[in-house]
C-alpha atoms as a PDB file:
ATOM      1  CA  MET A   1    -225.957 257.617  76.481  1.00  0.00           C
ATOM      2  CA  SER A   2    -225.423 257.701  80.434  1.00  0.00           C
ATOM      3  CA  GLU A   3    -222.360 256.334  82.223  1.00  0.00           C
ATOM      4  CA  SER A   4    -222.383 252.913  82.826  1.00  0.00           C
ATOM      5  CA  THR A   5    -223.752 251.623  86.046  1.00  0.00           C
ATOM      6  CA  LEU A   6    -220.440 249.605  86.845  1.00  0.00           C
ATOM      7  CA  SER A   7    -218.608 252.667  86.900  1.00  0.00           C
ATOM      8  CA  ARG A   8    -220.543 254.385  89.357  1.00  0.00           C
ATOM      9  CA  ARG A   9    -220.770 251.019  92.202  1.00  0.00           C
ATOM     10  CA  PRO A  10    -218.608 252.174  95.273  1.00  0.00           C
ATOM     11  CA  THR A  11    -217.733 249.080  95.827  1.00  0.00           C
ATOM     12  CA  ARG A  12    -216.052 248.612  92.277  1.00  0.00           C
ATOM     13  CA  LEU A  13    -214.621 251.937  93.063  1.00  0.00           C
ATOM     14  CA  LEU A  14    -213.312 250.806  96.182  1.00  0.00           C
ATOM     15  CA  SER A  15    -211.990 247.480  94.976  1.00  0.00           C
ATOM     16  CA  LEU A  16    -209.967 249.133  92.189  1.00  0.00           C
ATOM     17  CA  ALA A  17    -208.549 251.750  94.376  1.00  0.00           C
ATOM     18  CA  ALA A  18    -207.985 248.680  96.491  1.00  0.00           C
ATOM     19  CA  MET A  19    -206.089 247.006  94.081  1.00  0.00           C
ATOM     20  CA  HIS A  20    -204.173 250.152  92.994  1.00  0.00           C
ATOM     21  CA  ALA A  21    -203.061 250.886  96.617  1.00  0.00           C
ATOM     22  CA  ASP A  22    -202.320 247.312  97.506  1.00  0.00           C
ATOM     23  CA  ARG A  23    -199.988 246.942  94.249  1.00  0.00           C
ATOM     24  CA  ARG A  24    -198.223 250.173  95.071  1.00  0.00           C
ATOM     25  CA  VAL A  25    -197.584 249.110  98.509  1.00  0.00           C
ATOM     26  CA  ASN A  26    -196.209 245.769  97.617  1.00  0.00           C
ATOM     27  CA  GLU A  27    -193.744 247.479  95.326  1.00  0.00           C
ATOM     28  CA  GLY A  28    -192.479 250.043  97.545  1.00  0.00           C
ATOM     29  CA  LEU A  29    -191.922 247.380 100.191  1.00  0.00           C
ATOM     30  CA  ALA A  30    -190.345 245.170  97.874  1.00  0.00           C
ATOM     31  CA  THR A  31    -187.604 247.623  97.305  1.00  0.00           C
ATOM     32  CA  ALA A  32    -186.484 246.899 101.135  1.00  0.00           C
ATOM     33  CA  ASP A  33    -187.293 243.285 100.671  1.00  0.00           C
ATOM     34  CA  ALA A  34    -190.209 243.131 102.985  1.00  0.00           C
ATOM     35  CA  ARG A  35    -193.921 242.542 102.706  1.00  0.00           C
ATOM     36  CA  LYS A  36    -196.741 244.136 104.226  1.00  0.00           C
ATOM     37  CA  TRP A  37    -197.124 241.397 107.062  1.00  0.00           C
ATOM     38  CA  HIS A  38    -193.429 242.496 108.101  1.00  0.00           C
ATOM     39  CA  TYR A  39    -194.467 245.919 108.139  1.00  0.00           C
ATOM     40  CA  ALA A  40    -198.029 245.103 110.538  1.00  0.00           C
ATOM     41  CA  VAL A  41    -195.566 242.938 112.617  1.00  0.00           C
ATOM     42  CA  LEU A  42    -192.731 245.659 113.498  1.00  0.00           C
ATOM     43  CA  SER A  43    -195.400 248.298 113.665  1.00  0.00           C
ATOM     44  CA  THR A  44    -197.484 246.319 116.121  1.00  0.00           C
ATOM     45  CA  LEU A  45    -194.746 245.667 118.582  1.00  0.00           C
ATOM     46  CA  GLU A  46    -193.593 249.582 117.878  1.00  0.00           C
ATOM     47  CA  GLN A  47    -196.776 250.417 119.159  1.00  0.00           C
ATOM     48  CA  PHE A  48    -197.989 248.157 121.776  1.00  0.00           C
ATOM     49  CA  GLY A  49    -194.559 246.475 122.969  1.00  0.00           C
ATOM     50  CA  PRO A  50    -193.437 242.855 123.131  1.00  0.00           C
ATOM     51  CA  ALA A  51    -196.367 240.266 122.758  1.00  0.00           C
ATOM     52  CA  SER A  52    -197.090 236.968 122.732  1.00  0.00           C
ATOM     53  CA  GLN A  53    -197.960 235.266 118.976  1.00  0.00           C
ATOM     54  CA  ALA A  54    -201.342 235.115 119.862  1.00  0.00           C
ATOM     55  CA  GLU A  55    -201.548 238.687 120.448  1.00  0.00           C
ATOM     56  CA  LEU A  56    -199.946 239.883 117.423  1.00  0.00           C
ATOM     57  CA  SER A  57    -202.030 237.411 115.609  1.00  0.00           C
ATOM     58  CA  GLN A  58    -204.910 239.205 117.058  1.00  0.00           C
ATOM     59  CA  ARG A  59    -203.742 242.474 116.554  1.00  0.00           C
ATOM     60  CA  THR A  60    -202.603 241.997 112.902  1.00  0.00           C
ATOM     61  CA  GLY A  61    -205.081 240.091 111.632  1.00  0.00           C
ATOM     62  CA  ILE A  62    -202.172 237.633 110.227  1.00  0.00           C
ATOM     63  CA  TYR A  63    -203.558 234.088 111.202  1.00  0.00           C
ATOM     64  CA  ARG A  64    -201.264 232.389 113.633  1.00  0.00           C
ATOM     65  CA  SER A  65    -200.036 229.573 111.306  1.00  0.00           C
ATOM     66  CA  ASP A  66    -198.826 232.314 108.648  1.00  0.00           C
ATOM     67  CA  LEU A  67    -197.129 234.229 111.465  1.00  0.00           C
ATOM     68  CA  VAL A  68    -194.981 231.927 112.419  1.00  0.00           C
ATOM     69  CA  ALA A  69    -193.557 232.260 109.120  1.00  0.00           C
ATOM     70  CA  VAL A  70    -193.456 236.226 108.984  1.00  0.00           C
ATOM     71  CA  ILE A  71    -191.561 235.725 112.724  1.00  0.00           C
ATOM     72  CA  ASN A  72    -189.159 233.350 111.417  1.00  0.00           C
ATOM     73  CA  GLU A  73    -188.355 235.786 108.782  1.00  0.00           C
ATOM     74  CA  LEU A  74    -187.943 238.906 110.835  1.00  0.00           C
ATOM     75  CA  THR A  75    -186.009 236.715 113.443  1.00  0.00           C
ATOM     76  CA  GLU A  76    -183.686 235.716 110.847  1.00  0.00           C
ATOM     77  CA  ARG A  77    -183.376 239.375 109.753  1.00  0.00           C
ATOM     78  CA  GLY A  78    -182.748 240.230 113.614  1.00  0.00           C
ATOM     79  CA  GLN A  79    -185.599 242.770 113.293  1.00  0.00           C
ATOM     80  CA  VAL A  80    -187.331 240.742 116.439  1.00  0.00           C
ATOM     81  CA  ASP A  81    -186.468 238.793 119.303  1.00  0.00           C
ATOM     82  CA  ARG A  82    -188.643 235.435 120.464  1.00  0.00           C
ATOM     83  CA  SER A  83    -188.053 234.244 123.733  1.00  0.00           C
ATOM     84  CA  PRO A  84    -189.991 232.513 126.101  1.00  0.00           C
ATOM     85  CA  ASN A  85    -192.500 234.226 127.789  1.00  0.00           C
ATOM     86  CA  PRO A  86    -190.842 234.085 131.820  1.00  0.00           C
ATOM     87  CA  ALA A  87    -194.663 233.896 133.001  1.00  0.00           C
ATOM     88  CA  ASP A  88    -195.672 230.775 130.933  1.00  0.00           C
ATOM     89  CA  ARG A  89    -192.775 228.885 129.299  1.00  0.00           C
ATOM     90  CA  ARG A  90    -195.247 227.463 126.555  1.00  0.00           C
ATOM     91  CA  GLN A  91    -195.513 230.791 124.971  1.00  0.00           C
ATOM     92  CA  ASN A  92    -193.243 233.152 123.398  1.00  0.00           C
ATOM     93  CA  VAL A  93    -192.643 236.815 123.741  1.00  0.00           C
ATOM     94  CA  ILE A  94    -192.168 238.826 120.289  1.00  0.00           C
ATOM     95  CA  THR A  95    -189.780 242.022 121.074  1.00  0.00           C
ATOM     96  CA  LEU A  96    -188.852 244.433 118.623  1.00  0.00           C
ATOM     97  CA  THR A  97    -185.322 244.906 118.137  1.00  0.00           C
ATOM     98  CA  GLU A  98    -183.132 248.207 117.186  1.00  0.00           C
ATOM     99  CA  ALA A  99    -182.507 246.713 113.787  1.00  0.00           C
ATOM    100  CA  GLY A 100    -186.303 246.399 113.532  1.00  0.00           C
ATOM    101  CA  HIS A 101    -187.131 249.887 114.532  1.00  0.00           C
ATOM    102  CA  ARG A 102    -184.570 251.000 112.074  1.00  0.00           C
ATOM    103  CA  GLN A 103    -186.388 248.626 109.594  1.00  0.00           C
ATOM    104  CA  LEU A 104    -189.442 249.951 110.637  1.00  0.00           C
ATOM    105  CA  LEU A 105    -188.403 253.588 110.032  1.00  0.00           C
ATOM    106  CA  ALA A 106    -187.192 252.899 106.566  1.00  0.00           C
ATOM    107  CA  LEU A 107    -190.769 251.120 105.379  1.00  0.00           C
ATOM    108  CA  ASP A 108    -192.630 254.026 107.351  1.00  0.00           C
ATOM    109  CA  GLU A 109    -191.031 256.520 104.328  1.00  0.00           C
ATOM    110  CA  LEU A 110    -191.855 253.716 101.475  1.00  0.00           C
ATOM    111  CA  LEU A 111    -195.374 253.625 102.621  1.00  0.00           C
ATOM    112  CA  ALA A 112    -195.680 257.448 103.020  1.00  0.00           C
ATOM    113  CA  ALA A 113    -194.427 257.673  99.394  1.00  0.00           C
ATOM    114  CA  ALA A 114    -196.827 254.643  98.271  1.00  0.00           C
ATOM    115  CA  GLU A 115    -199.407 256.948  99.655  1.00  0.00           C
ATOM    116  CA  ARG A 116    -198.564 259.645  98.005  1.00  0.00           C
ATOM    117  CA  ASP A 117    -198.661 258.425  94.693  1.00  0.00           C
ATOM    118  CA  VAL A 118    -201.995 256.737  95.337  1.00  0.00           C
ATOM    119  CA  LEU A 119    -204.105 259.806  97.138  1.00  0.00           C
ATOM    120  CA  ALA A 120    -201.967 262.394  94.414  1.00  0.00           C
ATOM    121  CA  PRO A 121    -205.440 263.881  93.438  1.00  0.00           C
ATOM    122  CA  LEU A 122    -206.843 264.382  96.803  1.00  0.00           C
ATOM    123  CA  THR A 123    -206.162 267.367  98.814  1.00  0.00           C
ATOM    124  CA  ASP A 124    -205.146 266.983 102.506  1.00  0.00           C
ATOM    125  CA  ALA A 125    -208.474 267.777 103.749  1.00  0.00           C
ATOM    126  CA  GLU A 126    -209.851 265.048 101.165  1.00  0.00           C
ATOM    127  CA  ARG A 127    -207.548 262.198 102.622  1.00  0.00           C
ATOM    128  CA  GLU A 128    -208.598 263.186 106.106  1.00  0.00           C
ATOM    129  CA  GLN A 129    -211.998 262.333 104.862  1.00  0.00           C
ATOM    130  CA  LEU A 130    -211.258 259.489 103.245  1.00  0.00           C
ATOM    131  CA  VAL A 131    -209.599 257.748 105.986  1.00  0.00           C
ATOM    132  CA  ASP A 132    -212.322 258.843 108.185  1.00  0.00           C
ATOM    133  CA  LEU A 133    -214.780 257.450 105.896  1.00  0.00           C
ATOM    134  CA  LEU A 134    -212.760 254.095 105.340  1.00  0.00           C
ATOM    135  CA  THR A 135    -212.143 253.756 109.077  1.00  0.00           C
ATOM    136  CA  ARG A 136    -216.037 254.282 109.791  1.00  0.00           C
ATOM    137  CA  LEU A 137    -216.651 251.503 106.918  1.00  0.00           C
ATOM    138  CA  VAL A 138    -214.232 248.966 108.548  1.00  0.00           C
ATOM    139  CA  ARG A 139    -215.560 249.645 112.187  1.00  0.00           C
ATOM    140  CA  HIS A 140    -218.845 249.274 110.794  1.00  0.00           C
ATOM    141  CA  HIS A 141    -218.270 245.664 109.404  1.00  0.00           C
ATOM    142  CA  GLY A 142    -216.751 244.618 112.625  1.00  0.00           C
ATOM    143  CA  SER A 143    -213.430 243.818 110.926  1.00  0.00           C
ATOM    144  CA  TRP A 144    -211.425 246.481 113.273  1.00  0.00           C
ATOM    145  CA  ASP A 145    -211.348 248.398 116.281  1.00  0.00           C
ATOM    146  CA  GLY A 146    -208.759 250.375 115.899  1.00  0.00           C
ATOM    147  CA  ASN A 147    -206.237 247.803 117.793  1.00  0.00           C
ATOM    148  CA  THR A 148    -207.437 245.026 116.886  1.00  0.00           C
ATOM    149  CA  LEU A 149    -207.942 243.097 113.119  1.00  0.00           C
ATOM    150  CA  ARG A 150    -210.676 240.459 113.204  1.00  0.00           C
ATOM    151  CA  LYS A 151    -210.478 237.796 110.735  1.00  0.00           C
END
């Protein structure tokens, strides 16, 4: 009897791998009372510097309405600062704080552990190849240009 078609479908395999990776990442972040959106905002601010909520929404792919709640949570924790934009008082500028930087470093370690677990059966070269292939797929479908996620 031949192997089932379902078990050889790349889209099915991508979905199963993504579900496992997502679960493992969520579990890891939860140990630091964090979520993926927290990491996305902190990481984006670290990489690009202070940003408006609109810029953060574009770069992270988080809808603006959802982003407000994430920024509120991070502000309450002292990990970001929200202040009026001096150039446009209608806008807020979000800035990473020292506490946010420390949290980001801790989350980076948790994500690295999750990635080691998820990618355990792959060699370093295979991991690099996987990243390259996934990057090509995501860019091809127009949902990411390396800096900005598109909804």
